[in-house]
Amino acid sequence: MRLPRPVLAAILVSFASPCFAESSTALAVNNPPAQQNSVVDLLALMSGHCKTLKVAGRPFACKTVAYAHDDKGRVNFAVAVDDPGDENHVVSFSGENGKRADDNSYELPIDRMLLNSKDRPKVDGLPVPAEQTSTGVCRQTGNFAARQVSNVTCTATDSDGRRYELLFVSDGTPVSVRRIRQSAPSIQDPFK
């Protein structure tokens, strides 16, 4: 599955941005750096459509859904929102301590929503998502090892009472799974 560059960039930035929150005192107050220095080590892109996507109760369509796991154990189900006015609109259901119920299902308790848009402040050139403390759950039917996911459902309510819902249904295309390994920088500073 090939994603347009702006969509893929928006998804990856939504995963990476919380680790930059500590760079700015003002942002750190509003967005605690929950994922300080974390690195995404597994990314799975799923092809299909959202039968339901509601952000703070407002319905949207989606472009794609991705699963990301970081090296500290945090998981995000990120949704690239199909918003003609904002190509950086990404909503992530985020949590830790997900568990496999069996070989074909996974459940993730949600403890925060990450909300990214073109209007978010930037640190080091990257938008920093707003973090909303939330409670909820995501359930995935399917298995990344088999590269097949049939659906993902998520529901969450943030601390201000806003509801977020996702029902993503796969089109049957195998999931694109990428293991990401951190390596030494390959770009050399010519002035050193």
N, C-alpha and C. Protein backbone atom coordinates (compact mmCIF):
# COMPACT_ATOMS: atom_id res chain seq x y z
N MET A 1 0.85 -1.17 0.00
CA MET A 1 0.00 0.00 0.00
C MET A 1 0.89 1.23 0.00
N ARG A 2 0.63 2.15 -0.90
CA ARG A 2 1.37 3.42 -0.96
C ARG A 2 0.47 4.53 -0.49
N LEU A 3 1.00 5.30 0.44
CA LEU A 3 0.28 6.46 0.95
C LEU A 3 0.87 7.71 0.34
N PRO A 4 0.03 8.73 0.10
CA PRO A 4 0.60 10.01 -0.33
C PRO A 4 1.57 10.51 0.74
N ARG A 5 2.65 11.13 0.33
CA ARG A 5 3.67 11.59 1.26
C ARG A 5 3.12 12.45 2.40
N PRO A 6 2.22 13.42 2.13
CA PRO A 6 1.73 14.23 3.25
C PRO A 6 1.00 13.39 4.31
N VAL A 7 0.26 12.36 3.87
CA VAL A 7 -0.47 11.51 4.82
C VAL A 7 0.52 10.71 5.66
N LEU A 8 1.49 10.07 5.02
CA LEU A 8 2.48 9.29 5.76
C LEU A 8 3.28 10.19 6.69
N ALA A 9 3.67 11.37 6.22
CA ALA A 9 4.43 12.29 7.08
C ALA A 9 3.61 12.72 8.29
N ALA A 10 2.33 13.00 8.08
CA ALA A 10 1.47 13.41 9.20
C ALA A 10 1.35 12.30 10.24
N ILE A 11 1.22 11.06 9.79
CA ILE A 11 1.11 9.93 10.72
C ILE A 11 2.41 9.77 11.49
N LEU A 12 3.54 9.77 10.80
CA LEU A 12 4.82 9.58 11.49
C LEU A 12 5.11 10.72 12.45
N VAL A 13 4.77 11.95 12.07
CA VAL A 13 4.98 13.09 12.96
C VAL A 13 4.11 12.94 14.20
N SER A 14 2.90 12.43 14.04
CA SER A 14 2.04 12.28 15.22
C SER A 14 2.63 11.29 16.22
N PHE A 15 3.38 10.30 15.75
CA PHE A 15 4.02 9.35 16.66
C PHE A 15 5.28 9.95 17.28
N ALA A 16 6.01 10.70 16.49
CA ALA A 16 7.29 11.23 16.96
C ALA A 16 7.15 12.46 17.83
N SER A 17 6.15 13.27 17.58
CA SER A 17 6.05 14.57 18.22
C SER A 17 6.08 14.57 19.73
N PRO A 18 5.41 13.65 20.45
CA PRO A 18 5.45 13.75 21.90
C PRO A 18 6.86 13.72 22.48
N CYS A 19 7.80 13.11 21.79
CA CYS A 19 9.15 13.08 22.34
C CYS A 19 9.82 14.44 22.24
N PHE A 20 9.26 15.37 21.44
CA PHE A 20 9.81 16.70 21.34
C PHE A 20 9.18 17.66 22.33
N ALA A 21 8.15 17.24 23.05
CA ALA A 21 7.42 18.14 23.94
C ALA A 21 8.32 18.73 25.02
N GLU A 22 9.38 18.01 25.41
CA GLU A 22 10.25 18.52 26.45
C GLU A 22 11.12 19.67 25.97
N SER A 23 11.17 19.93 24.65
CA SER A 23 12.00 20.98 24.11
C SER A 23 11.47 22.37 24.42
N SER A 24 10.22 22.48 24.80
CA SER A 24 9.63 23.79 25.05
C SER A 24 8.91 23.79 26.38
N THR A 25 9.28 24.72 27.24
CA THR A 25 8.66 24.79 28.57
C THR A 25 7.16 25.02 28.46
N ALA A 26 6.74 25.92 27.58
CA ALA A 26 5.31 26.21 27.46
C ALA A 26 4.55 24.98 27.00
N LEU A 27 5.10 24.24 26.05
CA LEU A 27 4.42 23.06 25.56
C LEU A 27 4.45 21.95 26.60
N ALA A 28 5.52 21.86 27.35
CA ALA A 28 5.61 20.79 28.35
C ALA A 28 4.56 20.95 29.43
N VAL A 29 4.17 22.18 29.73
CA VAL A 29 3.14 22.40 30.74
C VAL A 29 1.80 21.87 30.24
N ASN A 30 1.47 22.14 28.97
CA ASN A 30 0.20 21.72 28.40
C ASN A 30 0.22 20.30 27.86
N ASN A 31 1.36 19.80 27.52
CA ASN A 31 1.49 18.48 26.94
C ASN A 31 2.62 17.75 27.65
N PRO A 32 2.34 17.09 28.77
CA PRO A 32 3.41 16.42 29.49
C PRO A 32 4.16 15.46 28.58
N PRO A 33 5.48 15.44 28.66
CA PRO A 33 6.27 14.61 27.74
C PRO A 33 6.19 13.14 28.12
N ALA A 34 5.03 12.54 27.87
CA ALA A 34 4.78 11.15 28.27
C ALA A 34 5.69 10.17 27.52
N GLN A 35 6.10 10.54 26.31
CA GLN A 35 6.88 9.61 25.52
C GLN A 35 8.29 10.13 25.31
N GLN A 36 8.89 10.70 26.34
CA GLN A 36 10.21 11.26 26.20
C GLN A 36 11.16 10.24 25.61
N ASN A 37 11.84 10.68 24.57
CA ASN A 37 12.90 9.89 23.94
C ASN A 37 12.44 8.52 23.48
N SER A 38 11.17 8.35 23.17
CA SER A 38 10.72 7.07 22.65
C SER A 38 10.88 7.06 21.14
N VAL A 39 11.03 5.87 20.60
CA VAL A 39 11.24 5.69 19.17
C VAL A 39 10.29 4.61 18.70
N VAL A 40 9.56 4.88 17.62
CA VAL A 40 8.67 3.87 17.05
C VAL A 40 9.53 2.72 16.54
N ASP A 41 9.21 1.49 16.98
CA ASP A 41 9.98 0.34 16.52
C ASP A 41 9.17 -0.62 15.65
N LEU A 42 7.84 -0.42 15.58
CA LEU A 42 7.00 -1.22 14.71
C LEU A 42 5.88 -0.34 14.18
N LEU A 43 5.71 -0.34 12.88
CA LEU A 43 4.67 0.45 12.23
C LEU A 43 3.91 -0.47 11.28
N ALA A 44 2.59 -0.51 11.41
CA ALA A 44 1.75 -1.33 10.53
C ALA A 44 0.70 -0.42 9.90
N LEU A 45 0.67 -0.37 8.57
CA LEU A 45 -0.29 0.43 7.83
C LEU A 45 -1.37 -0.49 7.30
N MET A 46 -2.63 -0.09 7.53
CA MET A 46 -3.77 -0.92 7.15
C MET A 46 -4.56 -0.24 6.05
N SER A 47 -5.00 -1.01 5.08
CA SER A 47 -5.76 -0.50 3.96
C SER A 47 -7.24 -0.86 4.15
N GLY A 48 -8.11 0.11 3.93
CA GLY A 48 -9.54 -0.12 4.09
C GLY A 48 -10.25 1.21 4.22
N HIS A 49 -11.36 1.22 4.96
CA HIS A 49 -12.09 2.46 5.15
C HIS A 49 -12.69 2.53 6.55
N CYS A 50 -12.98 3.74 6.95
CA CYS A 50 -13.61 3.96 8.25
C CYS A 50 -15.12 4.00 8.06
N LYS A 51 -15.81 3.02 8.62
CA LYS A 51 -17.27 3.09 8.62
C LYS A 51 -17.73 4.17 9.58
N THR A 52 -16.96 4.35 10.66
CA THR A 52 -17.25 5.39 11.64
C THR A 52 -15.94 6.03 12.07
N LEU A 53 -15.90 7.34 12.06
CA LEU A 53 -14.82 8.11 12.67
C LEU A 53 -15.45 9.37 13.24
N LYS A 54 -15.43 9.48 14.55
CA LYS A 54 -15.95 10.67 15.21
C LYS A 54 -14.85 11.24 16.09
N VAL A 55 -14.60 12.53 15.91
CA VAL A 55 -13.59 13.24 16.68
C VAL A 55 -14.33 14.30 17.49
N ALA A 56 -14.32 14.13 18.80
CA ALA A 56 -15.08 15.00 19.70
C ALA A 56 -16.54 15.06 19.26
N GLY A 57 -17.06 13.91 18.84
CA GLY A 57 -18.46 13.80 18.44
C GLY A 57 -18.75 14.19 17.01
N ARG A 58 -17.79 14.78 16.31
CA ARG A 58 -17.99 15.25 14.94
C ARG A 58 -17.56 14.17 13.93
N PRO A 59 -18.43 13.82 12.97
CA PRO A 59 -18.09 12.76 12.01
C PRO A 59 -17.08 13.23 10.96
N PHE A 60 -16.18 12.30 10.60
CA PHE A 60 -15.20 12.52 9.55
C PHE A 60 -15.04 11.23 8.75
N ALA A 61 -14.39 11.35 7.61
CA ALA A 61 -13.91 10.19 6.86
C ALA A 61 -12.42 10.06 7.19
N CYS A 62 -11.83 8.92 6.83
CA CYS A 62 -10.39 8.76 7.09
C CYS A 62 -9.67 8.38 5.82
N LYS A 63 -8.35 8.60 5.83
CA LYS A 63 -7.51 8.22 4.71
C LYS A 63 -6.88 6.85 4.96
N THR A 64 -6.41 6.64 6.18
CA THR A 64 -5.80 5.36 6.53
C THR A 64 -5.71 5.24 8.04
N VAL A 65 -5.43 4.02 8.49
CA VAL A 65 -5.22 3.75 9.91
C VAL A 65 -3.87 3.05 10.04
N ALA A 66 -3.13 3.43 11.06
CA ALA A 66 -1.82 2.82 11.30
C ALA A 66 -1.72 2.43 12.77
N TYR A 67 -0.95 1.38 13.00
CA TYR A 67 -0.63 0.92 14.35
C TYR A 67 0.85 1.20 14.55
N ALA A 68 1.21 1.82 15.68
CA ALA A 68 2.62 2.05 15.97
C ALA A 68 2.90 1.63 17.40
N HIS A 69 4.01 0.95 17.57
CA HIS A 69 4.48 0.51 18.89
C HIS A 69 5.82 1.17 19.10
N ASP A 70 6.04 1.77 20.29
CA ASP A 70 7.35 2.37 20.52
C ASP A 70 8.18 1.52 21.47
N ASP A 71 9.44 1.86 21.57
CA ASP A 71 10.38 1.07 22.36
C ASP A 71 10.13 1.13 23.86
N LYS A 72 9.21 1.99 24.30
CA LYS A 72 8.85 2.07 25.73
C LYS A 72 7.54 1.32 26.01
N GLY A 73 6.91 0.74 24.98
CA GLY A 73 5.70 -0.05 25.17
C GLY A 73 4.40 0.66 24.87
N ARG A 74 4.47 1.94 24.50
CA ARG A 74 3.24 2.68 24.17
C ARG A 74 2.80 2.31 22.76
N VAL A 75 1.47 2.20 22.59
CA VAL A 75 0.88 1.86 21.30
C VAL A 75 -0.07 2.97 20.90
N ASN A 76 -0.07 3.28 19.60
CA ASN A 76 -1.01 4.25 19.04
C ASN A 76 -1.73 3.62 17.85
N PHE A 77 -3.05 3.77 17.82
CA PHE A 77 -3.80 3.53 16.61
C PHE A 77 -4.06 4.93 16.07
N ALA A 78 -3.36 5.29 15.01
CA ALA A 78 -3.45 6.64 14.45
C ALA A 78 -4.34 6.62 13.22
N VAL A 79 -5.13 7.66 13.09
CA VAL A 79 -6.05 7.79 11.97
C VAL A 79 -5.73 9.09 11.24
N ALA A 80 -5.36 8.96 9.97
CA ALA A 80 -5.18 10.15 9.13
C ALA A 80 -6.57 10.56 8.67
N VAL A 81 -7.03 11.70 9.19
CA VAL A 81 -8.39 12.18 8.93
C VAL A 81 -8.47 12.76 7.52
N ASP A 82 -9.52 12.40 6.80
CA ASP A 82 -9.76 12.96 5.46
C ASP A 82 -10.43 14.31 5.65
N ASP A 83 -9.58 15.34 5.83
CA ASP A 83 -10.04 16.70 6.09
C ASP A 83 -9.45 17.60 5.01
N PRO A 84 -10.26 17.99 4.00
CA PRO A 84 -9.73 18.79 2.89
C PRO A 84 -9.05 20.09 3.34
N GLY A 85 -9.42 20.60 4.49
CA GLY A 85 -8.85 21.85 4.98
C GLY A 85 -7.59 21.67 5.81
N ASP A 86 -7.18 20.40 6.04
CA ASP A 86 -6.04 20.18 6.93
C ASP A 86 -5.39 18.82 6.65
N GLU A 87 -4.31 18.83 5.88
CA GLU A 87 -3.65 17.56 5.55
C GLU A 87 -2.83 17.00 6.73
N ASN A 88 -2.70 17.76 7.81
CA ASN A 88 -2.00 17.29 9.01
C ASN A 88 -2.94 16.80 10.10
N HIS A 89 -4.22 16.63 9.79
CA HIS A 89 -5.21 16.23 10.79
C HIS A 89 -5.08 14.74 11.08
N VAL A 90 -4.53 14.42 12.24
CA VAL A 90 -4.32 13.04 12.67
C VAL A 90 -4.83 12.90 14.10
N VAL A 91 -5.58 11.84 14.34
CA VAL A 91 -6.10 11.53 15.67
C VAL A 91 -5.54 10.18 16.07
N SER A 92 -4.97 10.09 17.28
CA SER A 92 -4.38 8.82 17.73
C SER A 92 -5.00 8.38 19.05
N PHE A 93 -5.46 7.13 19.06
CA PHE A 93 -5.90 6.49 20.30
C PHE A 93 -4.64 5.87 20.89
N SER A 94 -4.26 6.26 22.10
CA SER A 94 -2.96 5.89 22.64
C SER A 94 -3.10 5.20 24.00
N GLY A 95 -2.30 4.15 24.19
CA GLY A 95 -2.34 3.44 25.46
C GLY A 95 -1.16 2.50 25.64
N GLU A 96 -1.16 1.82 26.77
CA GLU A 96 -0.11 0.86 27.11
C GLU A 96 -0.75 -0.43 27.61
N ASN A 97 0.05 -1.45 27.72
CA ASN A 97 -0.37 -2.73 28.30
C ASN A 97 -1.47 -3.42 27.52
N GLY A 98 -1.38 -3.36 26.19
CA GLY A 98 -2.32 -4.10 25.35
C GLY A 98 -2.09 -5.59 25.51
N LYS A 99 -3.15 -6.35 25.28
CA LYS A 99 -3.05 -7.81 25.45
C LYS A 99 -3.75 -8.52 24.31
N ARG A 100 -3.19 -9.65 23.95
CA ARG A 100 -3.83 -10.55 22.99
C ARG A 100 -4.86 -11.38 23.74
N ALA A 101 -6.09 -11.33 23.28
CA ALA A 101 -7.13 -12.17 23.89
C ALA A 101 -6.99 -13.60 23.36
N ASP A 102 -6.57 -13.72 22.11
CA ASP A 102 -6.30 -15.01 21.46
C ASP A 102 -5.43 -14.72 20.25
N ASP A 103 -5.23 -15.70 19.37
CA ASP A 103 -4.36 -15.50 18.21
C ASP A 103 -4.93 -14.51 17.20
N ASN A 104 -6.21 -14.18 17.33
CA ASN A 104 -6.84 -13.34 16.32
C ASN A 104 -7.44 -12.05 16.88
N SER A 105 -7.10 -11.67 18.11
CA SER A 105 -7.63 -10.41 18.64
C SER A 105 -6.67 -9.78 19.63
N TYR A 106 -6.72 -8.47 19.68
CA TYR A 106 -5.84 -7.67 20.52
C TYR A 106 -6.67 -6.56 21.13
N GLU A 107 -6.44 -6.27 22.41
CA GLU A 107 -7.18 -5.21 23.09
C GLU A 107 -6.20 -4.25 23.76
N LEU A 108 -6.42 -2.96 23.54
CA LEU A 108 -5.55 -1.92 24.08
C LEU A 108 -6.37 -0.94 24.92
N PRO A 109 -6.08 -0.83 26.24
CA PRO A 109 -6.73 0.20 27.02
C PRO A 109 -6.18 1.58 26.62
N ILE A 110 -7.08 2.53 26.41
CA ILE A 110 -6.70 3.88 25.98
C ILE A 110 -6.63 4.79 27.20
N ASP A 111 -5.51 5.52 27.33
CA ASP A 111 -5.39 6.48 28.44
C ASP A 111 -5.21 7.92 27.96
N ARG A 112 -5.07 8.11 26.65
CA ARG A 112 -4.99 9.47 26.11
C ARG A 112 -5.29 9.48 24.62
N MET A 113 -5.74 10.64 24.19
CA MET A 113 -5.93 10.90 22.76
C MET A 113 -4.87 11.91 22.36
N LEU A 114 -4.27 11.70 21.20
CA LEU A 114 -3.30 12.65 20.64
C LEU A 114 -3.97 13.29 19.43
N LEU A 115 -4.08 14.61 19.45
CA LEU A 115 -4.80 15.34 18.41
C LEU A 115 -3.85 16.28 17.70
N ASN A 116 -3.67 16.04 16.41
CA ASN A 116 -2.74 16.85 15.64
C ASN A 116 -3.46 17.52 14.48
N SER A 117 -3.06 18.75 14.19
CA SER A 117 -3.64 19.50 13.08
C SER A 117 -2.64 20.55 12.62
N LYS A 118 -2.99 21.22 11.55
CA LYS A 118 -2.10 22.27 11.01
C LYS A 118 -1.95 23.44 11.97
N ASP A 119 -2.89 23.59 12.89
CA ASP A 119 -2.87 24.72 13.82
C ASP A 119 -2.07 24.47 15.09
N ARG A 120 -1.53 23.28 15.26
CA ARG A 120 -0.78 22.97 16.48
C ARG A 120 0.57 23.69 16.46
N PRO A 121 1.06 24.06 17.64
CA PRO A 121 2.40 24.67 17.71
C PRO A 121 3.46 23.68 17.23
N LYS A 122 4.55 24.24 16.76
CA LYS A 122 5.63 23.39 16.25
C LYS A 122 6.86 23.54 17.13
N VAL A 123 7.56 22.43 17.30
CA VAL A 123 8.85 22.41 17.98
C VAL A 123 9.81 21.72 17.04
N ASP A 124 10.92 22.34 16.78
CA ASP A 124 11.91 21.82 15.83
C ASP A 124 11.27 21.52 14.48
N GLY A 125 10.27 22.34 14.09
CA GLY A 125 9.62 22.21 12.79
C GLY A 125 8.51 21.18 12.73
N LEU A 126 8.27 20.44 13.81
CA LEU A 126 7.24 19.40 13.81
C LEU A 126 6.08 19.81 14.70
N PRO A 127 4.83 19.60 14.22
CA PRO A 127 3.68 19.93 15.07
C PRO A 127 3.63 19.00 16.28
N VAL A 128 3.29 19.57 17.42
CA VAL A 128 3.19 18.80 18.66
C VAL A 128 1.71 18.55 18.93
N PRO A 129 1.28 17.29 18.98
CA PRO A 129 -0.15 17.03 19.18
C PRO A 129 -0.59 17.42 20.58
N ALA A 130 -1.85 17.82 20.67
CA ALA A 130 -2.46 18.06 21.98
C ALA A 130 -2.76 16.69 22.58
N GLU A 131 -2.44 16.53 23.85
CA GLU A 131 -2.74 15.29 24.57
C GLU A 131 -3.96 15.51 25.44
N GLN A 132 -4.94 14.64 25.31
CA GLN A 132 -6.13 14.69 26.14
C GLN A 132 -6.20 13.41 26.95
N THR A 133 -6.14 13.53 28.28
CA THR A 133 -6.32 12.36 29.14
C THR A 133 -7.68 11.76 28.82
N SER A 134 -7.72 10.46 28.61
CA SER A 134 -8.94 9.79 28.16
C SER A 134 -9.03 8.40 28.76
N THR A 135 -10.21 7.83 28.67
CA THR A 135 -10.40 6.42 29.02
C THR A 135 -11.15 5.77 27.86
N GLY A 136 -10.79 4.54 27.58
CA GLY A 136 -11.45 3.83 26.50
C GLY A 136 -10.71 2.56 26.16
N VAL A 137 -11.02 2.03 24.99
CA VAL A 137 -10.40 0.78 24.57
C VAL A 137 -10.41 0.69 23.04
N CYS A 138 -9.38 0.07 22.49
CA CYS A 138 -9.33 -0.30 21.07
C CYS A 138 -9.28 -1.82 20.99
N ARG A 139 -9.99 -2.37 20.02
CA ARG A 139 -9.96 -3.82 19.77
C ARG A 139 -9.63 -4.04 18.30
N GLN A 140 -8.67 -4.90 18.09
CA GLN A 140 -8.24 -5.23 16.73
C GLN A 140 -8.55 -6.70 16.50
N THR A 141 -9.23 -6.99 15.39
CA THR A 141 -9.45 -8.38 14.99
C THR A 141 -8.52 -8.67 13.83
N GLY A 142 -7.68 -9.66 14.02
CA GLY A 142 -6.69 -10.00 13.00
C GLY A 142 -5.32 -10.10 13.64
N ASN A 143 -4.32 -10.33 12.81
CA ASN A 143 -3.00 -10.64 13.32
C ASN A 143 -1.94 -10.03 12.40
N PHE A 144 -1.07 -9.18 12.96
CA PHE A 144 -0.01 -8.57 12.15
C PHE A 144 0.97 -9.60 11.62
N ALA A 145 1.26 -10.64 12.40
CA ALA A 145 2.20 -11.68 11.95
C ALA A 145 1.69 -12.34 10.67
N ALA A 146 0.38 -12.52 10.57
CA ALA A 146 -0.22 -13.10 9.37
C ALA A 146 -0.50 -12.02 8.32
N ARG A 147 -0.24 -10.75 8.68
CA ARG A 147 -0.46 -9.59 7.81
C ARG A 147 -1.93 -9.41 7.42
N GLN A 148 -2.82 -9.88 8.28
CA GLN A 148 -4.25 -9.74 8.03
C GLN A 148 -4.94 -9.13 9.26
N VAL A 149 -5.61 -8.02 9.05
CA VAL A 149 -6.45 -7.40 10.08
C VAL A 149 -7.80 -7.16 9.43
N SER A 150 -8.87 -7.62 10.06
CA SER A 150 -10.19 -7.41 9.45
C SER A 150 -10.83 -6.11 9.92
N ASN A 151 -10.61 -5.73 11.21
CA ASN A 151 -11.18 -4.47 11.66
C ASN A 151 -10.49 -3.98 12.92
N VAL A 152 -10.69 -2.69 13.19
CA VAL A 152 -10.23 -2.04 14.42
C VAL A 152 -11.39 -1.19 14.92
N THR A 153 -11.75 -1.37 16.18
CA THR A 153 -12.77 -0.51 16.79
C THR A 153 -12.14 0.17 18.00
N CYS A 154 -12.42 1.45 18.14
CA CYS A 154 -11.92 2.21 19.28
C CYS A 154 -13.03 3.13 19.78
N THR A 155 -13.11 3.26 21.08
CA THR A 155 -13.98 4.26 21.70
C THR A 155 -13.20 4.86 22.86
N ALA A 156 -13.34 6.16 23.03
CA ALA A 156 -12.68 6.83 24.14
C ALA A 156 -13.45 8.09 24.48
N THR A 157 -13.36 8.48 25.73
CA THR A 157 -13.94 9.72 26.21
C THR A 157 -12.84 10.48 26.94
N ASP A 158 -12.63 11.75 26.55
CA ASP A 158 -11.56 12.51 27.19
C ASP A 158 -12.04 13.14 28.49
N SER A 159 -11.12 13.76 29.20
CA SER A 159 -11.42 14.32 30.52
C SER A 159 -12.43 15.46 30.47
N ASP A 160 -12.67 16.02 29.27
CA ASP A 160 -13.68 17.06 29.10
C ASP A 160 -15.01 16.51 28.62
N GLY A 161 -15.13 15.17 28.55
CA GLY A 161 -16.39 14.54 28.14
C GLY A 161 -16.59 14.38 26.65
N ARG A 162 -15.58 14.72 25.83
CA ARG A 162 -15.70 14.56 24.38
C ARG A 162 -15.46 13.09 24.01
N ARG A 163 -16.27 12.59 23.07
CA ARG A 163 -16.18 11.19 22.66
C ARG A 163 -15.46 11.05 21.32
N TYR A 164 -14.70 9.97 21.21
CA TYR A 164 -13.96 9.63 20.00
C TYR A 164 -14.32 8.19 19.64
N GLU A 165 -14.63 7.95 18.37
CA GLU A 165 -15.02 6.62 17.94
C GLU A 165 -14.37 6.28 16.62
N LEU A 166 -14.02 5.02 16.47
CA LEU A 166 -13.46 4.52 15.22
C LEU A 166 -14.00 3.12 14.95
N LEU A 167 -14.47 2.90 13.74
CA LEU A 167 -14.74 1.55 13.24
C LEU A 167 -14.08 1.50 11.87
N PHE A 168 -12.92 0.85 11.82
CA PHE A 168 -12.15 0.69 10.59
C PHE A 168 -12.32 -0.73 10.10
N VAL A 169 -12.62 -0.88 8.80
CA VAL A 169 -12.80 -2.19 8.19
C VAL A 169 -11.79 -2.35 7.06
N SER A 170 -11.05 -3.43 7.09
CA SER A 170 -10.02 -3.70 6.08
C SER A 170 -10.66 -4.02 4.74
N ASP A 171 -9.92 -3.70 3.67
CA ASP A 171 -10.37 -4.08 2.32
C ASP A 171 -9.77 -5.43 1.91
N GLY A 172 -9.07 -6.08 2.83
CA GLY A 172 -8.50 -7.40 2.55
C GLY A 172 -7.05 -7.36 2.09
N THR A 173 -6.53 -6.17 1.80
CA THR A 173 -5.13 -6.03 1.39
C THR A 173 -4.25 -6.39 2.58
N PRO A 174 -3.18 -7.17 2.36
CA PRO A 174 -2.30 -7.50 3.49
C PRO A 174 -1.75 -6.23 4.16
N VAL A 175 -1.63 -6.28 5.48
CA VAL A 175 -1.10 -5.18 6.26
C VAL A 175 0.38 -5.00 5.91
N SER A 176 0.80 -3.75 5.77
CA SER A 176 2.21 -3.44 5.53
C SER A 176 2.87 -3.22 6.88
N VAL A 177 3.71 -4.17 7.30
CA VAL A 177 4.36 -4.11 8.61
C VAL A 177 5.83 -3.77 8.42
N ARG A 178 6.28 -2.77 9.17
CA ARG A 178 7.68 -2.34 9.11
C ARG A 178 8.28 -2.36 10.50
N ARG A 179 9.36 -3.07 10.67
CA ARG A 179 10.15 -2.98 11.90
C ARG A 179 11.15 -1.86 11.68
N ILE A 180 11.25 -0.98 12.64
CA ILE A 180 12.11 0.19 12.50
C ILE A 180 13.23 0.06 13.53
N ARG A 181 14.45 0.11 13.04
CA ARG A 181 15.60 0.01 13.94
C ARG A 181 16.34 1.33 13.92
N GLN A 182 16.68 1.79 15.10
CA GLN A 182 17.43 3.04 15.21
C GLN A 182 18.88 2.76 14.84
N SER A 183 19.45 3.67 14.07
CA SER A 183 20.85 3.52 13.68
C SER A 183 21.56 4.86 13.88
N ALA A 184 22.85 4.81 13.77
CA ALA A 184 23.65 6.03 13.88
C ALA A 184 23.32 6.96 12.72
N PRO A 185 23.37 8.27 12.94
CA PRO A 185 23.10 9.21 11.84
C PRO A 185 24.06 8.98 10.69
N SER A 186 23.54 9.08 9.47
CA SER A 186 24.39 8.87 8.29
C SER A 186 24.78 10.17 7.63
N ILE A 187 24.26 11.28 8.09
CA ILE A 187 24.60 12.57 7.52
C ILE A 187 25.72 13.18 8.37
N GLN A 188 26.77 13.57 7.71
CA GLN A 188 27.93 14.14 8.40
C GLN A 188 27.85 15.66 8.34
N ASP A 189 28.25 16.33 9.40
CA ASP A 189 28.30 17.79 9.45
C ASP A 189 29.57 18.23 8.71
N PRO A 190 29.41 18.94 7.58
CA PRO A 190 30.60 19.33 6.79
C PRO A 190 31.45 20.39 7.48
N PHE A 191 30.94 21.01 8.54
CA PHE A 191 31.68 22.08 9.20
C PHE A 191 32.46 21.61 10.41
N LYS A 192 32.47 20.33 10.67
CA LYS A 192 33.23 19.80 11.82
C LYS A 192 34.58 19.36 11.38
